[in-house]
Amino acid sequence: EFSWPRVDVEIFRAAALLIGMSYRLVWVLAGGDTAGMVATGLRLTTFEGFPLERKHRVMRFVAACLSLCTVVGHLWSLADEESLTWHDHMSRTFPTPRKVRADVFRRV
């Protein structure tokens, strides 16, 4: 029989949360996009269209932690006109495609 004592479940949850936050923090400090963002062909940009600076990445990390803790921050994207979460609005950044596939937007 396999059973999980309550203490073990709580330790597992805390460890998973700590590992996830550490992973994101490494990419914030390195100033790059996560492997998932690269694999999906996305990059982060500011509302003004500029690449992110370290202060934007730190603010996005802090706001994402707040969004995750309250859960409402992520659910907000279902009601938002542009489907942005709280951490998108707080850090004034959002994910966008790396490459534009349409010829309409390419400079000649």
PDB file of N, CA and C in Angstrom:
ATOM      1  N   GLU A   1       0.853  -1.181   0.000  1.00  0.00           N
ATOM      2  CA  GLU A   1       0.000   0.000   0.000  1.00  0.00           C
ATOM      3  C   GLU A   1       0.896   1.240   0.000  1.00  0.00           C
ATOM      4  N   PHE A   2       0.508   2.200  -0.778  1.00  0.00           N
ATOM      5  CA  PHE A   2       1.254   3.452  -0.902  1.00  0.00           C
ATOM      6  C   PHE A   2       0.441   4.577  -0.279  1.00  0.00           C
ATOM      7  N   SER A   3       1.036   5.283   0.655  1.00  0.00           N
ATOM      8  CA  SER A   3       0.312   6.393   1.284  1.00  0.00           C
ATOM      9  C   SER A   3       1.258   7.581   1.452  1.00  0.00           C
ATOM     10  N   TRP A   4       0.678   8.742   1.434  1.00  0.00           N
ATOM     11  CA  TRP A   4       1.429   9.991   1.621  1.00  0.00           C
ATOM     12  C   TRP A   4       0.990  10.623   2.934  1.00  0.00           C
ATOM     13  N   PRO A   5       1.855  10.660   3.916  1.00  0.00           N
ATOM     14  CA  PRO A   5       1.513  11.396   5.146  1.00  0.00           C
ATOM     15  C   PRO A   5       1.378  12.896   4.833  1.00  0.00           C
ATOM     16  N   ARG A   6       0.576  13.553   5.592  1.00  0.00           N
ATOM     17  CA  ARG A   6       0.291  14.975   5.354  1.00  0.00           C
ATOM     18  C   ARG A   6       1.571  15.818   5.341  1.00  0.00           C
ATOM     19  N   VAL A   7       2.488  15.533   6.211  1.00  0.00           N
ATOM     20  CA  VAL A   7       3.745  16.289   6.282  1.00  0.00           C
ATOM     21  C   VAL A   7       4.532  16.140   4.978  1.00  0.00           C
ATOM     22  N   ASP A   8       4.577  14.919   4.435  1.00  0.00           N
ATOM     23  CA  ASP A   8       5.300  14.683   3.187  1.00  0.00           C
ATOM     24  C   ASP A   8       4.677  15.441   2.024  1.00  0.00           C
ATOM     25  N   VAL A   9       3.369  15.512   1.988  1.00  0.00           N
ATOM     26  CA  VAL A   9       2.681  16.248   0.921  1.00  0.00           C
ATOM     27  C   VAL A   9       3.026  17.729   1.007  1.00  0.00           C
ATOM     28  N   GLU A  10       3.021  18.284   2.194  1.00  0.00           N
ATOM     29  CA  GLU A  10       3.339  19.700   2.370  1.00  0.00           C
ATOM     30  C   GLU A  10       4.800  19.987   1.999  1.00  0.00           C
ATOM     31  N   ILE A  11       5.697  19.093   2.362  1.00  0.00           N
ATOM     32  CA  ILE A  11       7.112  19.265   1.997  1.00  0.00           C
ATOM     33  C   ILE A  11       7.272  19.193   0.481  1.00  0.00           C
ATOM     34  N   PHE A  12       6.578  18.263  -0.167  1.00  0.00           N
ATOM     35  CA  PHE A  12       6.632  18.140  -1.621  1.00  0.00           C
ATOM     36  C   PHE A  12       6.113  19.411  -2.301  1.00  0.00           C
ATOM     37  N   ARG A  13       5.007  19.951  -1.823  1.00  0.00           N
ATOM     38  CA  ARG A  13       4.455  21.201  -2.386  1.00  0.00           C
ATOM     39  C   ARG A  13       5.430  22.365  -2.221  1.00  0.00           C
ATOM     40  N   ALA A  14       6.005  22.474  -1.044  1.00  0.00           N
ATOM     41  CA  ALA A  14       6.954  23.562  -0.787  1.00  0.00           C
ATOM     42  C   ALA A  14       8.188  23.420  -1.667  1.00  0.00           C
ATOM     43  N   ALA A  15       8.674  22.209  -1.825  1.00  0.00           N
ATOM     44  CA  ALA A  15       9.848  21.979  -2.670  1.00  0.00           C
ATOM     45  C   ALA A  15       9.550  22.296  -4.129  1.00  0.00           C
ATOM     46  N   ALA A  16       8.392  21.887  -4.618  1.00  0.00           N
ATOM     47  CA  ALA A  16       8.008  22.178  -6.003  1.00  0.00           C
ATOM     48  C   ALA A  16       7.901  23.682  -6.235  1.00  0.00           C
ATOM     49  N   LEU A  17       7.313  24.390  -5.280  1.00  0.00           N
ATOM     50  CA  LEU A  17       7.194  25.838  -5.390  1.00  0.00           C
ATOM     51  C   LEU A  17       8.568  26.512  -5.364  1.00  0.00           C
ATOM     52  N   LEU A  18       9.427  26.067  -4.475  1.00  0.00           N
ATOM     53  CA  LEU A  18      10.774  26.629  -4.370  1.00  0.00           C
ATOM     54  C   LEU A  18      11.594  26.365  -5.635  1.00  0.00           C
ATOM     55  N   ILE A  19      11.489  25.172  -6.192  1.00  0.00           N
ATOM     56  CA  ILE A  19      12.215  24.854  -7.423  1.00  0.00           C
ATOM     57  C   ILE A  19      11.701  25.706  -8.578  1.00  0.00           C
ATOM     58  N   GLY A  20      10.394  25.847  -8.691  1.00  0.00           N
ATOM     59  CA  GLY A  20       9.811  26.664  -9.753  1.00  0.00           C
ATOM     60  C   GLY A  20      10.210  28.126  -9.656  1.00  0.00           C
ATOM     61  N   MET A  21      10.183  28.669  -8.459  1.00  0.00           N
ATOM     62  CA  MET A  21      10.563  30.066  -8.268  1.00  0.00           C
ATOM     63  C   MET A  21      12.053  30.272  -8.513  1.00  0.00           C
ATOM     64  N   SER A  22      12.867  29.299  -8.108  1.00  0.00           N
ATOM     65  CA  SER A  22      14.311  29.397  -8.349  1.00  0.00           C
ATOM     66  C   SER A  22      14.623  29.369  -9.834  1.00  0.00           C
ATOM     67  N   TYR A  23      13.915  28.523 -10.574  1.00  0.00           N
ATOM     68  CA  TYR A  23      14.102  28.438 -12.025  1.00  0.00           C
ATOM     69  C   TYR A  23      13.809  29.788 -12.680  1.00  0.00           C
ATOM     70  N   ARG A  24      12.681  30.385 -12.315  1.00  0.00           N
ATOM     71  CA  ARG A  24      12.315  31.688 -12.892  1.00  0.00           C
ATOM     72  C   ARG A  24      13.317  32.764 -12.482  1.00  0.00           C
ATOM     73  N   LEU A  25      13.762  32.729 -11.242  1.00  0.00           N
ATOM     74  CA  LEU A  25      14.704  33.725 -10.748  1.00  0.00           C
ATOM     75  C   LEU A  25      16.045  33.645 -11.480  1.00  0.00           C
ATOM     76  N   VAL A  26      16.477  32.450 -11.828  1.00  0.00           N
ATOM     77  CA  VAL A  26      17.717  32.302 -12.598  1.00  0.00           C
ATOM     78  C   VAL A  26      17.598  33.025 -13.928  1.00  0.00           C
ATOM     79  N   TRP A  27      16.466  32.888 -14.614  1.00  0.00           N
ATOM     80  CA  TRP A  27      16.282  33.545 -15.910  1.00  0.00           C
ATOM     81  C   TRP A  27      16.106  35.044 -15.762  1.00  0.00           C
ATOM     82  N   VAL A  28      15.533  35.489 -14.652  1.00  0.00           N
ATOM     83  CA  VAL A  28      15.423  36.925 -14.393  1.00  0.00           C
ATOM     84  C   VAL A  28      16.811  37.524 -14.236  1.00  0.00           C
ATOM     85  N   LEU A  29      17.655  36.885 -13.431  1.00  0.00           N
ATOM     86  CA  LEU A  29      19.001  37.397 -13.197  1.00  0.00           C
ATOM     87  C   LEU A  29      19.896  37.264 -14.430  1.00  0.00           C
ATOM     88  N   ALA A  30      19.668  36.218 -15.234  1.00  0.00           N
ATOM     89  CA  ALA A  30      20.461  36.026 -16.457  1.00  0.00           C
ATOM     90  C   ALA A  30      20.018  36.986 -17.559  1.00  0.00           C
ATOM     91  N   GLY A  31      18.811  37.518 -17.455  1.00  0.00           N
ATOM     92  CA  GLY A  31      18.320  38.463 -18.454  1.00  0.00           C
ATOM     93  C   GLY A  31      17.885  37.810 -19.749  1.00  0.00           C
ATOM     94  N   GLY A  32      17.424  36.576 -19.669  1.00  0.00           N
ATOM     95  CA  GLY A  32      16.994  35.869 -20.877  1.00  0.00           C
ATOM     96  C   GLY A  32      15.610  35.282 -20.716  1.00  0.00           C
ATOM     97  N   ASP A  33      15.129  34.672 -21.798  1.00  0.00           N
ATOM     98  CA  ASP A  33      13.829  34.012 -21.772  1.00  0.00           C
ATOM     99  C   ASP A  33      13.993  32.559 -21.353  1.00  0.00           C
ATOM    100  N   THR A  34      12.979  32.012 -20.730  1.00  0.00           N
ATOM    101  CA  THR A  34      13.030  30.622 -20.291  1.00  0.00           C
ATOM    102  C   THR A  34      13.017  29.692 -21.497  1.00  0.00           C
ATOM    103  N   ALA A  35      13.361  28.445 -21.259  1.00  0.00           N
ATOM    104  CA  ALA A  35      13.368  27.454 -22.337  1.00  0.00           C
ATOM    105  C   ALA A  35      11.969  27.275 -22.927  1.00  0.00           C
ATOM    106  N   GLY A  36      10.957  27.387 -22.093  1.00  0.00           N
ATOM    107  CA  GLY A  36       9.579  27.273 -22.576  1.00  0.00           C
ATOM    108  C   GLY A  36       9.191  28.406 -23.504  1.00  0.00           C
ATOM    109  N   MET A  37       9.633  29.613 -23.190  1.00  0.00           N
ATOM    110  CA  MET A  37       9.346  30.763 -24.058  1.00  0.00           C
ATOM    111  C   MET A  37      10.037  30.593 -25.410  1.00  0.00           C
ATOM    112  N   VAL A  38      11.262  30.118 -25.394  1.00  0.00           N
ATOM    113  CA  VAL A  38      12.005  29.912 -26.642  1.00  0.00           C
ATOM    114  C   VAL A  38      11.360  28.796 -27.456  1.00  0.00           C
ATOM    115  N   ALA A  39      10.971  27.709 -26.806  1.00  0.00           N
ATOM    116  CA  ALA A  39      10.370  26.564 -27.497  1.00  0.00           C
ATOM    117  C   ALA A  39       9.037  26.917 -28.144  1.00  0.00           C
ATOM    118  N   THR A  40       8.274  27.788 -27.516  1.00  0.00           N
ATOM    119  CA  THR A  40       6.982  28.181 -28.078  1.00  0.00           C
ATOM    120  C   THR A  40       7.089  29.346 -29.049  1.00  0.00           C
ATOM    121  N   GLY A  41       8.294  29.893 -29.204  1.00  0.00           N
ATOM    122  CA  GLY A  41       8.486  30.989 -30.156  1.00  0.00           C
ATOM    123  C   GLY A  41       7.992  32.322 -29.644  1.00  0.00           C
ATOM    124  N   LEU A  42       8.024  32.507 -28.321  1.00  0.00           N
ATOM    125  CA  LEU A  42       7.565  33.763 -27.729  1.00  0.00           C
ATOM    126  C   LEU A  42       8.737  34.520 -27.129  1.00  0.00           C
ATOM    127  N   ARG A  43       8.560  35.824 -26.978  1.00  0.00           N
ATOM    128  CA  ARG A  43       9.519  36.667 -26.267  1.00  0.00           C
ATOM    129  C   ARG A  43       8.716  37.686 -25.486  1.00  0.00           C
ATOM    130  N   LEU A  44       9.336  38.286 -24.491  1.00  0.00           N
ATOM    131  CA  LEU A  44       8.668  39.312 -23.701  1.00  0.00           C
ATOM    132  C   LEU A  44       9.049  40.686 -24.234  1.00  0.00           C
ATOM    133  N   THR A  45       8.091  41.577 -24.261  1.00  0.00           N
ATOM    134  CA  THR A  45       8.336  42.949 -24.692  1.00  0.00           C
ATOM    135  C   THR A  45       7.515  43.894 -23.819  1.00  0.00           C
ATOM    136  N   THR A  46       7.916  45.142 -23.766  1.00  0.00           N
ATOM    137  CA  THR A  46       7.168  46.132 -22.989  1.00  0.00           C
ATOM    138  C   THR A  46       5.954  46.597 -23.776  1.00  0.00           C
ATOM    139  N   PHE A  47       5.055  47.296 -23.111  1.00  0.00           N
ATOM    140  CA  PHE A  47       3.888  47.842 -23.795  1.00  0.00           C
ATOM    141  C   PHE A  47       4.296  48.834 -24.880  1.00  0.00           C
ATOM    142  N   GLU A  48       5.461  49.440 -24.726  1.00  0.00           N
ATOM    143  CA  GLU A  48       5.953  50.405 -25.708  1.00  0.00           C
ATOM    144  C   GLU A  48       6.673  49.725 -26.868  1.00  0.00           C
ATOM    145  N   GLY A  49       6.889  48.414 -26.791  1.00  0.00           N
ATOM    146  CA  GLY A  49       7.516  47.664 -27.866  1.00  0.00           C
ATOM    147  C   GLY A  49       9.019  47.480 -27.742  1.00  0.00           C
ATOM    148  N   PHE A  50       9.588  47.811 -26.595  1.00  0.00           N
ATOM    149  CA  PHE A  50      11.030  47.676 -26.391  1.00  0.00           C
ATOM    150  C   PHE A  50      11.354  46.348 -25.708  1.00  0.00           C
ATOM    151  N   PRO A  51      12.589  45.849 -25.875  1.00  0.00           N
ATOM    152  CA  PRO A  51      13.006  44.649 -25.130  1.00  0.00           C
ATOM    153  C   PRO A  51      13.041  44.934 -23.633  1.00  0.00           C
ATOM    154  N   LEU A  52      12.931  43.884 -22.835  1.00  0.00           N
ATOM    155  CA  LEU A  52      12.897  44.050 -21.386  1.00  0.00           C
ATOM    156  C   LEU A  52      14.265  44.374 -20.809  1.00  0.00           C
ATOM    157  N   GLU A  53      14.250  45.242 -19.810  1.00  0.00           N
ATOM    158  CA  GLU A  53      15.433  45.519 -19.009  1.00  0.00           C
ATOM    159  C   GLU A  53      15.305  44.701 -17.723  1.00  0.00           C
ATOM    160  N   ARG A  54      16.361  44.686 -16.942  1.00  0.00           N
ATOM    161  CA  ARG A  54      16.352  43.896 -15.712  1.00  0.00           C
ATOM    162  C   ARG A  54      15.228  44.326 -14.771  1.00  0.00           C
ATOM    163  N   LYS A  55      14.959  45.637 -14.675  1.00  0.00           N
ATOM    164  CA  LYS A  55      13.906  46.097 -13.760  1.00  0.00           C
ATOM    165  C   LYS A  55      12.535  45.574 -14.187  1.00  0.00           C
ATOM    166  N   HIS A  56      12.301  45.452 -15.503  1.00  0.00           N
ATOM    167  CA  HIS A  56      11.039  44.889 -15.982  1.00  0.00           C
ATOM    168  C   HIS A  56      10.934  43.407 -15.608  1.00  0.00           C
ATOM    169  N   ARG A  57      12.043  42.686 -15.762  1.00  0.00           N
ATOM    170  CA  ARG A  57      12.042  41.255 -15.444  1.00  0.00           C
ATOM    171  C   ARG A  57      11.827  41.017 -13.949  1.00  0.00           C
ATOM    172  N   VAL A  58      12.448  41.829 -13.116  1.00  0.00           N
ATOM    173  CA  VAL A  58      12.277  41.691 -11.664  1.00  0.00           C
ATOM    174  C   VAL A  58      10.831  42.007 -11.280  1.00  0.00           C
ATOM    175  N   MET A  59      10.289  43.082 -11.825  1.00  0.00           N
ATOM    176  CA  MET A  59       8.903  43.447 -11.518  1.00  0.00           C
ATOM    177  C   MET A  59       7.934  42.366 -11.989  1.00  0.00           C
ATOM    178  N   ARG A  60       8.197  41.783 -13.147  1.00  0.00           N
ATOM    179  CA  ARG A  60       7.337  40.717 -13.672  1.00  0.00           C
ATOM    180  C   ARG A  60       7.417  39.485 -12.764  1.00  0.00           C
ATOM    181  N   PHE A  61       8.615  39.165 -12.272  1.00  0.00           N
ATOM    182  CA  PHE A  61       8.787  38.023 -11.370  1.00  0.00           C
ATOM    183  C   PHE A  61       8.014  38.235 -10.072  1.00  0.00           C
ATOM    184  N   VAL A  62       8.163  39.402  -9.477  1.00  0.00           N
ATOM    185  CA  VAL A  62       7.459  39.708  -8.219  1.00  0.00           C
ATOM    186  C   VAL A  62       5.945  39.688  -8.435  1.00  0.00           C
ATOM    187  N   ALA A  63       5.493  40.287  -9.528  1.00  0.00           N
ATOM    188  CA  ALA A  63       4.063  40.315  -9.818  1.00  0.00           C
ATOM    189  C   ALA A  63       3.534  38.921 -10.130  1.00  0.00           C
ATOM    190  N   ALA A  64       4.333  38.085 -10.797  1.00  0.00           N
ATOM    191  CA  ALA A  64       3.916  36.712 -11.091  1.00  0.00           C
ATOM    192  C   ALA A  64       3.784  35.903  -9.806  1.00  0.00           C
ATOM    193  N   CYS A  65       4.670  36.125  -8.848  1.00  0.00           N
ATOM    194  CA  CYS A  65       4.555  35.453  -7.551  1.00  0.00           C
ATOM    195  C   CYS A  65       3.263  35.863  -6.851  1.00  0.00           C
ATOM    196  N   LEU A  66       2.933  37.141  -6.913  1.00  0.00           N
ATOM    197  CA  LEU A  66       1.685  37.624  -6.327  1.00  0.00           C
ATOM    198  C   LEU A  66       0.483  37.026  -7.050  1.00  0.00           C
ATOM    199  N   SER A  67       0.542  36.978  -8.372  1.00  0.00           N
ATOM    200  CA  SER A  67      -0.554  36.398  -9.155  1.00  0.00           C
ATOM    201  C   SER A  67      -0.745  34.923  -8.820  1.00  0.00           C
ATOM    202  N   LEU A  68       0.359  34.209  -8.662  1.00  0.00           N
ATOM    203  CA  LEU A  68       0.291  32.787  -8.358  1.00  0.00           C
ATOM    204  C   LEU A  68      -0.293  32.554  -6.965  1.00  0.00           C
ATOM    205  N   CYS A  69       0.104  33.375  -6.010  1.00  0.00           N
ATOM    206  CA  CYS A  69      -0.385  33.209  -4.632  1.00  0.00           C
ATOM    207  C   CYS A  69      -1.877  33.494  -4.519  1.00  0.00           C
ATOM    208  N   THR A  70      -2.372  34.449  -5.273  1.00  0.00           N
ATOM    209  CA  THR A  70      -3.781  34.802  -5.166  1.00  0.00           C
ATOM    210  C   THR A  70      -4.660  34.049  -6.160  1.00  0.00           C
ATOM    211  N   VAL A  71      -4.091  33.447  -7.169  1.00  0.00           N
ATOM    212  CA  VAL A  71      -4.771  32.722  -8.251  1.00  0.00           C
ATOM    213  C   VAL A  71      -5.645  33.663  -9.080  1.00  0.00           C
ATOM    214  N   VAL A  72      -6.154  34.721  -8.486  1.00  0.00           N
ATOM    215  CA  VAL A  72      -7.002  35.674  -9.195  1.00  0.00           C
ATOM    216  C   VAL A  72      -6.215  36.366 -10.310  1.00  0.00           C
ATOM    217  N   GLY A  73      -4.914  36.543 -10.111  1.00  0.00           N
ATOM    218  CA  GLY A  73      -4.082  37.197 -11.107  1.00  0.00           C
ATOM    219  C   GLY A  73      -4.068  36.468 -12.435  1.00  0.00           C
ATOM    220  N   HIS A  74      -4.101  35.149 -12.385  1.00  0.00           N
ATOM    221  CA  HIS A  74      -4.137  34.364 -13.618  1.00  0.00           C
ATOM    222  C   HIS A  74      -5.553  34.270 -14.169  1.00  0.00           C
ATOM    223  N   LEU A  75      -6.539  34.182 -13.305  1.00  0.00           N
ATOM    224  CA  LEU A  75      -7.935  34.142 -13.766  1.00  0.00           C
ATOM    225  C   LEU A  75      -8.353  35.457 -14.414  1.00  0.00           C
ATOM    226  N   TRP A  76      -7.652  36.522 -14.057  1.00  0.00           N
ATOM    227  CA  TRP A  76      -7.943  37.837 -14.619  1.00  0.00           C
ATOM    228  C   TRP A  76      -7.861  37.820 -16.148  1.00  0.00           C
ATOM    229  N   SER A  77      -6.989  36.999 -16.699  1.00  0.00           N
ATOM    230  CA  SER A  77      -6.817  36.951 -18.156  1.00  0.00           C
ATOM    231  C   SER A  77      -8.086  36.496 -18.867  1.00  0.00           C
ATOM    232  N   LEU A  78      -8.964  35.782 -18.183  1.00  0.00           N
ATOM    233  CA  LEU A  78     -10.217  35.359 -18.791  1.00  0.00           C
ATOM    234  C   LEU A  78     -11.183  36.521 -18.968  1.00  0.00           C
ATOM    235  N   ALA A  79     -11.071  37.535 -18.116  1.00  0.00           N
ATOM    236  CA  ALA A  79     -11.964  38.690 -18.189  1.00  0.00           C
ATOM    237  C   ALA A  79     -11.336  39.888 -18.895  1.00  0.00           C
ATOM    238  N   ASP A  80     -10.016  39.881 -19.037  1.00  0.00           N
ATOM    239  CA  ASP A  80      -9.309  41.013 -19.627  1.00  0.00           C
ATOM    240  C   ASP A  80      -9.548  41.071 -21.132  1.00  0.00           C
ATOM    241  N   GLU A  81      -9.685  42.283 -21.643  1.00  0.00           N
ATOM    242  CA  GLU A  81      -9.952  42.498 -23.070  1.00  0.00           C
ATOM    243  C   GLU A  81      -8.842  41.930 -23.955  1.00  0.00           C
ATOM    244  N   GLU A  82      -7.595  42.062 -23.508  1.00  0.00           N
ATOM    245  CA  GLU A  82      -6.457  41.592 -24.295  1.00  0.00           C
ATOM    246  C   GLU A  82      -5.882  40.281 -23.760  1.00  0.00           C
ATOM    247  N   SER A  83      -6.588  39.632 -22.846  1.00  0.00           N
ATOM    248  CA  SER A  83      -6.181  38.362 -22.227  1.00  0.00           C
ATOM    249  C   SER A  83      -4.840  38.456 -21.509  1.00  0.00           C
ATOM    250  N   LEU A  84      -4.577  39.581 -20.866  1.00  0.00           N
ATOM    251  CA  LEU A  84      -3.347  39.766 -20.100  1.00  0.00           C
ATOM    252  C   LEU A  84      -3.616  39.484 -18.627  1.00  0.00           C
ATOM    253  N   THR A  85      -2.611  38.962 -17.933  1.00  0.00           N
ATOM    254  CA  THR A  85      -2.733  38.663 -16.506  1.00  0.00           C
ATOM    255  C   THR A  85      -2.322  39.882 -15.686  1.00  0.00           C
ATOM    256  N   TRP A  86      -2.446  39.736 -14.358  1.00  0.00           N
ATOM    257  CA  TRP A  86      -2.033  40.835 -13.482  1.00  0.00           C
ATOM    258  C   TRP A  86      -0.567  41.156 -13.651  1.00  0.00           C
ATOM    259  N   HIS A  87       0.278  40.114 -13.747  1.00  0.00           N
ATOM    260  CA  HIS A  87       1.704  40.405 -13.834  1.00  0.00           C
ATOM    261  C   HIS A  87       2.067  41.051 -15.169  1.00  0.00           C
ATOM    262  N   ASP A  88       1.263  40.846 -16.202  1.00  0.00           N
ATOM    263  CA  ASP A  88       1.474  41.588 -17.451  1.00  0.00           C
ATOM    264  C   ASP A  88       1.199  43.072 -17.228  1.00  0.00           C
ATOM    265  N   HIS A  89       0.091  43.369 -16.572  1.00  0.00           N
ATOM    266  CA  HIS A  89      -0.277  44.776 -16.323  1.00  0.00           C
ATOM    267  C   HIS A  89       0.665  45.451 -15.326  1.00  0.00           C
ATOM    268  N   MET A  90       1.033  44.744 -14.263  1.00  0.00           N
ATOM    269  CA  MET A  90       1.894  45.347 -13.235  1.00  0.00           C
ATOM    270  C   MET A  90       3.286  45.663 -13.770  1.00  0.00           C
ATOM    271  N   SER A  91       3.833  44.777 -14.593  1.00  0.00           N
ATOM    272  CA  SER A  91       5.182  44.996 -15.118  1.00  0.00           C
ATOM    273  C   SER A  91       5.173  45.724 -16.455  1.00  0.00           C
ATOM    274  N   ARG A  92       3.990  45.957 -16.999  1.00  0.00           N
ATOM    275  CA  ARG A  92       3.822  46.622 -18.306  1.00  0.00           C
ATOM    276  C   ARG A  92       4.601  45.879 -19.393  1.00  0.00           C
ATOM    277  N   THR A  93       4.530  44.540 -19.331  1.00  0.00           N
ATOM    278  CA  THR A  93       5.158  43.677 -20.324  1.00  0.00           C
ATOM    279  C   THR A  93       4.152  42.626 -20.758  1.00  0.00           C
ATOM    280  N   PHE A  94       4.429  41.969 -21.885  1.00  0.00           N
ATOM    281  CA  PHE A  94       3.563  40.892 -22.338  1.00  0.00           C
ATOM    282  C   PHE A  94       4.318  39.990 -23.310  1.00  0.00           C
ATOM    283  N   PRO A  95       3.888  38.730 -23.437  1.00  0.00           N
ATOM    284  CA  PRO A  95       4.524  37.828 -24.392  1.00  0.00           C
ATOM    285  C   PRO A  95       4.035  38.119 -25.808  1.00  0.00           C
ATOM    286  N   THR A  96       4.928  38.014 -26.762  1.00  0.00           N
ATOM    287  CA  THR A  96       4.601  38.256 -28.163  1.00  0.00           C
ATOM    288  C   THR A  96       5.421  37.294 -29.021  1.00  0.00           C
ATOM    289  N   PRO A  97       4.974  36.982 -30.237  1.00  0.00           N
ATOM    290  CA  PRO A  97       5.744  36.062 -31.089  1.00  0.00           C
ATOM    291  C   PRO A  97       7.124  36.621 -31.425  1.00  0.00           C
ATOM    292  N   ARG A  98       8.122  35.742 -31.504  1.00  0.00           N
ATOM    293  CA  ARG A  98       9.482  36.140 -31.861  1.00  0.00           C
ATOM    294  C   ARG A  98       9.566  36.598 -33.310  1.00  0.00           C
ATOM    295  N   LYS A  99       8.954  35.859 -34.195  1.00  0.00           N
ATOM    296  CA  LYS A  99       9.026  36.168 -35.619  1.00  0.00           C
ATOM    297  C   LYS A  99       7.643  36.517 -36.135  1.00  0.00           C
ATOM    298  N   VAL A 100       7.596  37.514 -37.000  1.00  0.00           N
ATOM    299  CA  VAL A 100       6.337  37.870 -37.642  1.00  0.00           C
ATOM    300  C   VAL A 100       6.261  37.074 -38.932  1.00  0.00           C
ATOM    301  N   ARG A 101       5.211  36.281 -39.069  1.00  0.00           N
ATOM    302  CA  ARG A 101       5.104  35.403 -40.233  1.00  0.00           C
ATOM    303  C   ARG A 101       4.453  36.088 -41.432  1.00  0.00           C
ATOM    304  N   ALA A 102       3.701  37.126 -41.193  1.00  0.00           N
ATOM    305  CA  ALA A 102       3.003  37.786 -42.297  1.00  0.00           C
ATOM    306  C   ALA A 102       3.932  38.785 -43.000  1.00  0.00           C
ATOM    307  N   ASP A 103       3.848  38.851 -44.296  1.00  0.00           N
ATOM    308  CA  ASP A 103       4.655  39.790 -45.079  1.00  0.00           C
ATOM    309  C   ASP A 103       4.217  41.235 -44.880  1.00  0.00           C
ATOM    310  N   VAL A 104       3.011  41.431 -44.377  1.00  0.00           N
ATOM    311  CA  VAL A 104       2.482  42.781 -44.204  1.00  0.00           C
ATOM    312  C   VAL A 104       3.333  43.581 -43.221  1.00  0.00           C
ATOM    313  N   PHE A 105       3.898  42.920 -42.209  1.00  0.00           N
ATOM    314  CA  PHE A 105       4.620  43.613 -41.152  1.00  0.00           C
ATOM    315  C   PHE A 105       6.131  43.653 -41.369  1.00  0.00           C
ATOM    316  N   ARG A 106       6.605  43.112 -42.452  1.00  0.00           N
ATOM    317  CA  ARG A 106       8.055  43.110 -42.699  1.00  0.00           C
ATOM    318  C   ARG A 106       8.484  44.357 -43.417  1.00  0.00           C
ATOM    319  N   ARG A 107       9.638  44.883 -43.000  1.00  0.00           N
ATOM    320  CA  ARG A 107      10.199  46.040 -43.670  1.00  0.00           C
ATOM    321  C   ARG A 107      10.939  45.599 -44.924  1.00  0.00           C
ATOM    322  N   VAL A 108      10.834  46.389 -45.943  1.00  0.00           N
ATOM    323  CA  VAL A 108      11.494  46.053 -47.206  1.00  0.00           C
ATOM    324  C   VAL A 108      12.792  46.813 -47.327  1.00  0.00           C
TER     325      VAL A 108
END
